Protein backbone atom coordinates (compact mmCIF):
# COMPACT_ATOMS: atom_id res chain seq x y z
CA MET A 1 75.69 68.62 -112.80
CA LYS A 2 73.48 70.60 -115.21
CA ASN A 3 70.73 70.57 -112.57
CA LEU A 4 73.15 72.26 -110.19
CA VAL A 5 75.09 74.76 -112.32
CA LEU A 6 72.37 76.34 -114.46
CA PRO A 7 69.97 77.03 -111.56
CA ALA A 8 72.89 78.36 -109.49
CA VAL A 9 73.91 80.77 -112.26
CA VAL A 10 70.31 81.94 -112.74
CA ALA A 11 69.90 82.41 -108.99
CA GLY A 12 73.24 84.24 -108.82
CA ILE A 13 72.13 86.69 -111.50
CA LEU A 14 68.83 87.29 -109.71
CA LEU A 15 70.59 87.74 -106.37
CA LEU A 16 73.01 90.22 -107.91
CA ALA A 17 70.06 92.23 -109.24
CA LEU A 18 68.39 91.95 -105.83
CA SER A 19 71.52 93.23 -104.10
CA PHE A 20 71.61 96.33 -106.30
CA GLY A 21 67.91 96.87 -105.75
CA ALA A 22 68.27 96.49 -101.99
CA LEU A 23 71.26 98.83 -101.95
CA TYR A 24 69.49 101.64 -103.78
CA GLY A 25 66.20 100.87 -102.07
CA MET A 26 67.79 101.31 -98.67
CA ILE A 27 69.30 104.65 -99.70
CA PHE A 28 65.91 105.97 -100.77
CA LEU A 29 63.60 104.20 -98.29
CA LEU A 30 65.80 104.03 -95.17
CA PRO A 31 68.33 106.88 -95.45
CA ASP A 32 69.09 106.90 -91.71
CA LEU A 33 70.00 103.23 -91.86
CA ALA A 34 72.09 103.76 -95.01
CA GLU A 35 73.98 106.58 -93.30
CA GLN A 36 75.29 104.13 -90.69
CA TYR A 37 77.47 102.57 -93.39
CA TYR A 38 79.76 105.59 -93.14
CA ASN A 39 80.99 104.13 -89.84
CA PRO A 40 84.72 103.26 -90.02
CA VAL A 41 83.87 99.68 -89.05
CA PHE A 42 82.91 99.14 -92.69
CA ASN A 43 85.63 98.61 -95.27
CA THR A 44 86.36 101.69 -97.36
CA ASP A 45 89.20 100.09 -99.34
CA SER A 46 87.99 99.83 -102.92
CA GLY A 47 90.38 96.94 -103.55
CA ARG A 48 87.82 94.46 -102.25
CA ASN A 49 84.70 95.91 -103.89
CA ALA A 50 84.64 93.06 -106.42
CA LEU A 51 83.72 90.70 -103.58
CA PHE A 52 80.33 92.46 -103.40
CA PHE A 53 79.61 91.35 -106.98
CA VAL A 54 80.85 87.79 -106.43
CA HIS A 55 78.91 87.16 -103.21
CA PRO A 56 75.55 86.38 -104.89
CA PHE A 57 77.20 83.65 -106.93
CA VAL A 58 79.06 82.17 -103.96
CA LEU A 59 75.76 82.07 -102.06
CA SER A 60 73.78 80.68 -104.99
CA PHE A 61 76.24 77.84 -105.61
CA ALA A 62 76.34 76.96 -101.91
CA LEU A 63 72.55 76.98 -101.72
CA ALA A 64 72.29 74.99 -104.97
CA TRP A 65 74.44 72.27 -103.44
CA PHE A 66 72.32 72.37 -100.27
CA TRP A 67 69.12 72.21 -102.33
CA ASN A 68 70.41 69.30 -104.40
CA ARG A 69 71.30 67.41 -101.24
CA PHE A 70 68.11 68.04 -99.23
CA LYS A 71 65.35 68.85 -101.72
CA GLY A 72 63.68 65.50 -101.07
CA VAL A 73 63.09 66.45 -97.44
CA ILE A 74 61.14 69.63 -98.27
CA ASN A 75 57.56 68.92 -99.36
CA GLY A 76 54.79 71.00 -100.90
CA SER A 77 54.41 73.14 -103.99
CA TRP A 78 57.43 74.75 -105.60
CA LEU A 79 56.49 78.02 -103.91
CA VAL A 80 56.35 76.49 -100.44
CA ARG A 81 59.55 74.53 -101.01
CA GLY A 82 61.47 77.58 -102.22
CA LEU A 83 60.31 79.76 -99.34
CA GLU A 84 61.07 77.01 -96.85
CA LEU A 85 64.65 76.86 -98.10
CA GLY A 86 64.94 80.58 -97.34
CA LEU A 87 63.51 80.13 -93.87
CA VAL A 88 65.72 77.13 -93.07
CA TYR A 89 68.82 78.97 -94.26
CA GLY A 90 67.79 82.01 -92.25
CA ILE A 91 67.41 80.03 -89.03
CA VAL A 92 70.41 77.72 -89.46
CA ALA A 93 73.00 80.07 -90.99
CA THR A 94 71.97 83.71 -91.04
CA LEU A 95 70.55 84.06 -87.52
CA PRO A 96 73.64 82.62 -85.75
CA SER A 97 76.04 84.64 -87.89
CA MET A 98 74.07 87.84 -87.26
CA TRP A 99 74.06 87.06 -83.54
CA VAL A 100 77.85 86.80 -83.45
CA THR A 101 78.23 89.84 -85.71
CA PHE A 102 76.11 91.97 -83.39
CA SER A 103 78.00 90.73 -80.36
CA ALA A 104 81.48 91.27 -81.84
CA ILE A 105 81.27 94.34 -84.09
CA GLU A 106 80.05 97.85 -83.33
CA VAL A 107 76.96 97.84 -85.55
CA SER A 108 73.41 98.79 -84.65
CA LEU A 109 70.57 96.36 -84.10
CA PRO A 110 68.61 97.78 -87.08
CA ILE A 111 71.59 97.13 -89.38
CA VAL A 112 71.92 93.55 -88.17
CA ALA A 113 68.15 93.02 -88.39
CA SER A 114 68.18 94.30 -91.98
CA TRP A 115 70.98 91.85 -92.80
CA LEU A 116 68.98 89.00 -91.27
CA VAL A 117 65.88 89.83 -93.30
CA TYR A 118 67.96 90.35 -96.43
CA GLY A 119 69.70 86.97 -95.97
CA ILE A 120 66.37 85.18 -95.64
CA VAL A 121 65.01 86.96 -98.72
CA GLN A 122 68.12 86.06 -100.72
CA ALA A 123 67.83 82.40 -99.78
CA ALA A 124 64.10 82.38 -100.52
CA VAL A 125 64.67 83.85 -103.99
CA ALA A 126 67.35 81.25 -104.68
CA GLY A 127 65.09 78.55 -103.27
CA LEU A 128 62.27 79.56 -105.61
CA VAL A 129 64.65 79.31 -108.58
CA PHE A 130 65.87 75.88 -107.47
CA ALA A 131 62.37 74.57 -106.73
CA LYS A 132 61.22 75.63 -110.19
CA MET A 133 64.29 74.61 -112.21
CA ASN A 134 65.44 71.56 -110.23
CA PRO A 135 62.42 70.05 -108.49
């Protein structure tokens, strides 16, 4: 259990920092893309803002379980193994969910593409933590 919880908490903290960095980075580096978030399709009710801060931990614990279950299948150095987890998660989970999001909600292709890349990066960061802390 220690090999699951501690790496998940560490990954969650890193993913939370990454989410803040990505948020502010998008505002400064891609202001036109950030402006699209003023679309009414996005939630403006501040009652659910806490979910933004919990998401990295939900993701990190889910990926920690996945890593614990399938880490023996992924070979190579810790770097390769961690990045492969991100790629596998991106193909298996993020790509299909972004496909259905783009088809069902009025959001632009660049927004959905940024979410796809961001999801893969998140999983890769978590994978690197897991590969290092729970080989």
